[in-house]
Amino acid sequence: TMLNVTANTVPARLRAARLLAGMDQAQIAQQLGVSRYTVGNWERGVFEPTVTQFLAWAQITGQPADQMIDGLSECAPRDLNPEPTD
């Protein structure tokens, strides 16, 4: 998992996930059905993948999507229904 990788942005986490999976840009591009150029643009933050492409990236690389979205510091479970504070 990405637990040993410090990547502060989503583009950096995309790249880290790909590298951890031992893939080059052309390999992941082929599996996602996009060009290597597109993958490079995502990893540089020029463009963003769609949600479907992002989730496929996480699945292909074997990384938890929540860690790729939020980063490690944000991965703690969130209380979606907090008690009101009075």
N, C-alpha and C. Protein backbone atom coordinates (compact mmCIF):
# COMPACT_ATOMS: atom_id res chain seq x y z
N THR A 1 0.84 -1.20 0.00
CA THR A 1 0.00 0.00 0.00
C THR A 1 0.87 1.24 0.00
N MET A 2 0.23 2.38 -0.01
CA MET A 2 0.95 3.64 -0.08
C MET A 2 1.39 4.11 1.30
N LEU A 3 1.30 3.27 2.32
CA LEU A 3 1.62 3.69 3.68
C LEU A 3 3.04 4.19 3.83
N ASN A 4 3.95 3.76 2.99
CA ASN A 4 5.34 4.18 3.10
C ASN A 4 5.70 5.29 2.13
N VAL A 5 4.72 5.87 1.49
CA VAL A 5 4.97 6.88 0.46
C VAL A 5 4.38 8.22 0.90
N THR A 6 5.19 9.25 0.85
CA THR A 6 4.70 10.59 1.13
C THR A 6 4.45 11.28 -0.20
N ALA A 7 3.20 11.49 -0.50
CA ALA A 7 2.82 12.19 -1.73
C ALA A 7 1.72 13.16 -1.35
N ASN A 8 1.99 14.45 -1.47
CA ASN A 8 1.09 15.46 -0.94
C ASN A 8 -0.06 15.85 -1.85
N THR A 9 0.00 15.49 -3.11
CA THR A 9 -1.06 15.87 -4.03
C THR A 9 -1.62 14.63 -4.70
N VAL A 10 -2.81 14.76 -5.22
CA VAL A 10 -3.41 13.62 -5.94
C VAL A 10 -2.54 13.23 -7.14
N PRO A 11 -2.05 14.17 -7.96
CA PRO A 11 -1.18 13.75 -9.07
C PRO A 11 0.05 12.97 -8.57
N ALA A 12 0.64 13.41 -7.47
CA ALA A 12 1.81 12.70 -6.92
C ALA A 12 1.42 11.31 -6.43
N ARG A 13 0.22 11.19 -5.87
CA ARG A 13 -0.23 9.87 -5.40
C ARG A 13 -0.54 8.95 -6.57
N LEU A 14 -1.06 9.50 -7.68
CA LEU A 14 -1.26 8.69 -8.87
C LEU A 14 0.06 8.10 -9.33
N ARG A 15 1.07 8.96 -9.42
CA ARG A 15 2.39 8.50 -9.87
C ARG A 15 2.97 7.48 -8.90
N ALA A 16 2.87 7.76 -7.59
CA ALA A 16 3.41 6.84 -6.59
C ALA A 16 2.72 5.47 -6.69
N ALA A 17 1.41 5.46 -6.87
CA ALA A 17 0.68 4.20 -6.98
C ALA A 17 1.15 3.41 -8.20
N ARG A 18 1.33 4.12 -9.31
CA ARG A 18 1.79 3.46 -10.54
C ARG A 18 3.17 2.87 -10.34
N LEU A 19 4.06 3.64 -9.75
CA LEU A 19 5.43 3.16 -9.54
C LEU A 19 5.47 1.98 -8.57
N LEU A 20 4.66 2.05 -7.51
CA LEU A 20 4.60 0.94 -6.57
C LEU A 20 4.10 -0.34 -7.23
N ALA A 21 3.26 -0.18 -8.24
CA ALA A 21 2.75 -1.33 -8.98
C ALA A 21 3.75 -1.83 -10.02
N GLY A 22 4.87 -1.12 -10.16
CA GLY A 22 5.90 -1.53 -11.12
C GLY A 22 5.50 -1.30 -12.56
N MET A 23 4.69 -0.28 -12.79
CA MET A 23 4.19 0.00 -14.13
C MET A 23 4.78 1.30 -14.66
N ASP A 24 4.96 1.36 -15.99
CA ASP A 24 5.32 2.63 -16.59
C ASP A 24 4.05 3.29 -17.12
N GLN A 25 4.18 4.51 -17.58
CA GLN A 25 3.00 5.25 -18.03
C GLN A 25 2.29 4.56 -19.18
N ALA A 26 3.03 3.97 -20.08
CA ALA A 26 2.41 3.30 -21.24
C ALA A 26 1.58 2.10 -20.79
N GLN A 27 2.06 1.37 -19.80
CA GLN A 27 1.33 0.19 -19.33
C GLN A 27 0.00 0.56 -18.69
N ILE A 28 0.02 1.56 -17.81
CA ILE A 28 -1.25 1.93 -17.16
C ILE A 28 -2.18 2.60 -18.16
N ALA A 29 -1.61 3.36 -19.09
CA ALA A 29 -2.42 4.00 -20.12
C ALA A 29 -3.18 2.95 -20.93
N GLN A 30 -2.48 1.88 -21.30
CA GLN A 30 -3.11 0.82 -22.09
C GLN A 30 -4.27 0.20 -21.31
N GLN A 31 -4.07 -0.06 -20.02
CA GLN A 31 -5.13 -0.69 -19.22
C GLN A 31 -6.32 0.25 -19.02
N LEU A 32 -6.05 1.55 -19.01
CA LEU A 32 -7.13 2.52 -18.83
C LEU A 32 -7.77 2.95 -20.14
N GLY A 33 -7.16 2.59 -21.26
CA GLY A 33 -7.70 2.95 -22.56
C GLY A 33 -7.47 4.41 -22.92
N VAL A 34 -6.35 4.97 -22.43
CA VAL A 34 -5.99 6.35 -22.75
C VAL A 34 -4.56 6.36 -23.26
N SER A 35 -4.09 7.53 -23.67
CA SER A 35 -2.72 7.61 -24.17
C SER A 35 -1.72 7.81 -23.02
N ARG A 36 -0.47 7.51 -23.28
CA ARG A 36 0.58 7.75 -22.29
C ARG A 36 0.68 9.24 -21.99
N TYR A 37 0.44 10.05 -23.00
CA TYR A 37 0.45 11.50 -22.86
C TYR A 37 -0.61 11.95 -21.84
N THR A 38 -1.79 11.33 -21.90
CA THR A 38 -2.86 11.64 -20.95
C THR A 38 -2.45 11.29 -19.54
N VAL A 39 -1.85 10.11 -19.36
CA VAL A 39 -1.38 9.69 -18.04
C VAL A 39 -0.36 10.69 -17.51
N GLY A 40 0.57 11.11 -18.36
CA GLY A 40 1.56 12.10 -17.95
C GLY A 40 0.92 13.40 -17.51
N ASN A 41 -0.11 13.83 -18.23
CA ASN A 41 -0.81 15.06 -17.85
C ASN A 41 -1.52 14.91 -16.51
N TRP A 42 -2.09 13.74 -16.24
CA TRP A 42 -2.73 13.50 -14.94
C TRP A 42 -1.69 13.55 -13.83
N GLU A 43 -0.55 12.92 -14.07
CA GLU A 43 0.49 12.85 -13.03
C GLU A 43 1.15 14.21 -12.79
N ARG A 44 1.08 15.12 -13.75
CA ARG A 44 1.62 16.47 -13.58
C ARG A 44 0.55 17.44 -13.09
N GLY A 45 -0.70 16.99 -13.01
CA GLY A 45 -1.77 17.86 -12.55
C GLY A 45 -2.30 18.81 -13.60
N VAL A 46 -1.97 18.56 -14.87
CA VAL A 46 -2.47 19.40 -15.96
C VAL A 46 -3.96 19.17 -16.15
N PHE A 47 -4.36 17.91 -16.11
CA PHE A 47 -5.76 17.50 -16.22
C PHE A 47 -6.02 16.49 -15.11
N GLU A 48 -7.30 16.21 -14.85
CA GLU A 48 -7.67 15.22 -13.86
C GLU A 48 -8.41 14.07 -14.53
N PRO A 49 -8.17 12.84 -14.05
CA PRO A 49 -8.95 11.71 -14.59
C PRO A 49 -10.39 11.82 -14.11
N THR A 50 -11.28 11.17 -14.84
CA THR A 50 -12.67 11.09 -14.37
C THR A 50 -12.70 10.22 -13.12
N VAL A 51 -13.80 10.23 -12.43
CA VAL A 51 -13.94 9.38 -11.24
C VAL A 51 -13.77 7.92 -11.63
N THR A 52 -14.37 7.52 -12.73
CA THR A 52 -14.25 6.13 -13.19
C THR A 52 -12.80 5.78 -13.49
N GLN A 53 -12.09 6.66 -14.16
CA GLN A 53 -10.68 6.41 -14.47
C GLN A 53 -9.84 6.37 -13.19
N PHE A 54 -10.13 7.26 -12.25
CA PHE A 54 -9.40 7.31 -11.00
C PHE A 54 -9.59 6.00 -10.22
N LEU A 55 -10.83 5.54 -10.13
CA LEU A 55 -11.10 4.29 -9.41
C LEU A 55 -10.46 3.10 -10.12
N ALA A 56 -10.46 3.12 -11.45
CA ALA A 56 -9.79 2.05 -12.19
C ALA A 56 -8.29 2.08 -11.92
N TRP A 57 -7.69 3.27 -11.85
CA TRP A 57 -6.26 3.42 -11.53
C TRP A 57 -5.97 2.78 -10.19
N ALA A 58 -6.80 3.08 -9.19
CA ALA A 58 -6.60 2.51 -7.85
C ALA A 58 -6.69 0.99 -7.91
N GLN A 59 -7.67 0.47 -8.62
CA GLN A 59 -7.83 -0.98 -8.72
C GLN A 59 -6.66 -1.63 -9.45
N ILE A 60 -6.25 -1.05 -10.55
CA ILE A 60 -5.15 -1.60 -11.34
C ILE A 60 -3.86 -1.63 -10.53
N THR A 61 -3.63 -0.58 -9.76
CA THR A 61 -2.38 -0.49 -9.00
C THR A 61 -2.48 -1.13 -7.62
N GLY A 62 -3.66 -1.58 -7.24
CA GLY A 62 -3.84 -2.25 -5.96
C GLY A 62 -3.79 -1.34 -4.76
N GLN A 63 -4.11 -0.07 -4.97
CA GLN A 63 -4.08 0.90 -3.88
C GLN A 63 -5.49 1.26 -3.43
N PRO A 64 -5.67 1.51 -2.13
CA PRO A 64 -6.98 1.95 -1.64
C PRO A 64 -7.32 3.33 -2.21
N ALA A 65 -8.48 3.44 -2.81
CA ALA A 65 -8.88 4.71 -3.43
C ALA A 65 -8.94 5.83 -2.42
N ASP A 66 -9.36 5.56 -1.18
CA ASP A 66 -9.44 6.63 -0.20
C ASP A 66 -8.07 7.21 0.13
N GLN A 67 -7.04 6.37 0.16
CA GLN A 67 -5.70 6.88 0.40
C GLN A 67 -5.19 7.68 -0.78
N MET A 68 -5.57 7.28 -1.98
CA MET A 68 -5.15 8.03 -3.15
C MET A 68 -5.85 9.39 -3.22
N ILE A 69 -7.08 9.46 -2.73
CA ILE A 69 -7.81 10.73 -2.75
C ILE A 69 -7.33 11.66 -1.64
N ASP A 70 -7.34 11.14 -0.42
CA ASP A 70 -7.12 11.98 0.75
C ASP A 70 -5.68 12.02 1.24
N GLY A 71 -4.91 11.04 0.92
CA GLY A 71 -3.58 10.95 1.50
C GLY A 71 -3.66 10.29 2.86
N LEU A 72 -2.52 9.96 3.40
CA LEU A 72 -2.49 9.20 4.64
C LEU A 72 -3.03 9.96 5.83
N SER A 73 -2.78 11.25 5.91
CA SER A 73 -3.22 12.00 7.08
C SER A 73 -4.73 12.14 7.14
N GLU A 74 -5.39 11.92 6.02
CA GLU A 74 -6.83 12.09 5.96
C GLU A 74 -7.58 10.77 5.95
N CYS A 75 -6.89 9.64 6.11
CA CYS A 75 -7.53 8.35 5.91
C CYS A 75 -8.25 7.80 7.13
N ALA A 76 -8.22 8.50 8.24
CA ALA A 76 -8.95 8.02 9.41
C ALA A 76 -10.44 8.05 9.10
N PRO A 77 -11.19 7.09 9.64
CA PRO A 77 -12.65 7.11 9.40
C PRO A 77 -13.24 8.43 9.87
N ARG A 78 -14.18 8.91 9.11
CA ARG A 78 -14.83 10.18 9.43
C ARG A 78 -16.21 9.90 10.00
N ASP A 79 -16.59 10.71 10.95
CA ASP A 79 -17.92 10.61 11.52
C ASP A 79 -18.87 11.39 10.62
N LEU A 80 -19.68 10.69 9.87
CA LEU A 80 -20.56 11.36 8.91
C LEU A 80 -21.80 11.93 9.58
N ASN A 81 -22.11 11.50 10.79
CA ASN A 81 -23.27 12.00 11.53
C ASN A 81 -22.84 12.44 12.92
N PRO A 82 -22.09 13.53 13.01
CA PRO A 82 -21.62 13.95 14.34
C PRO A 82 -22.78 14.39 15.22
N GLU A 83 -22.59 14.20 16.51
CA GLU A 83 -23.59 14.67 17.48
C GLU A 83 -23.59 16.19 17.48
N PRO A 84 -24.77 16.79 17.57
CA PRO A 84 -24.80 18.25 17.66
C PRO A 84 -24.12 18.72 18.94
N THR A 85 -23.42 19.83 18.81
CA THR A 85 -22.78 20.40 19.99
C THR A 85 -23.59 21.59 20.47
N ASP A 86 -24.01 21.54 21.70
CA ASP A 86 -24.79 22.64 22.27
C ASP A 86 -24.05 23.28 23.40
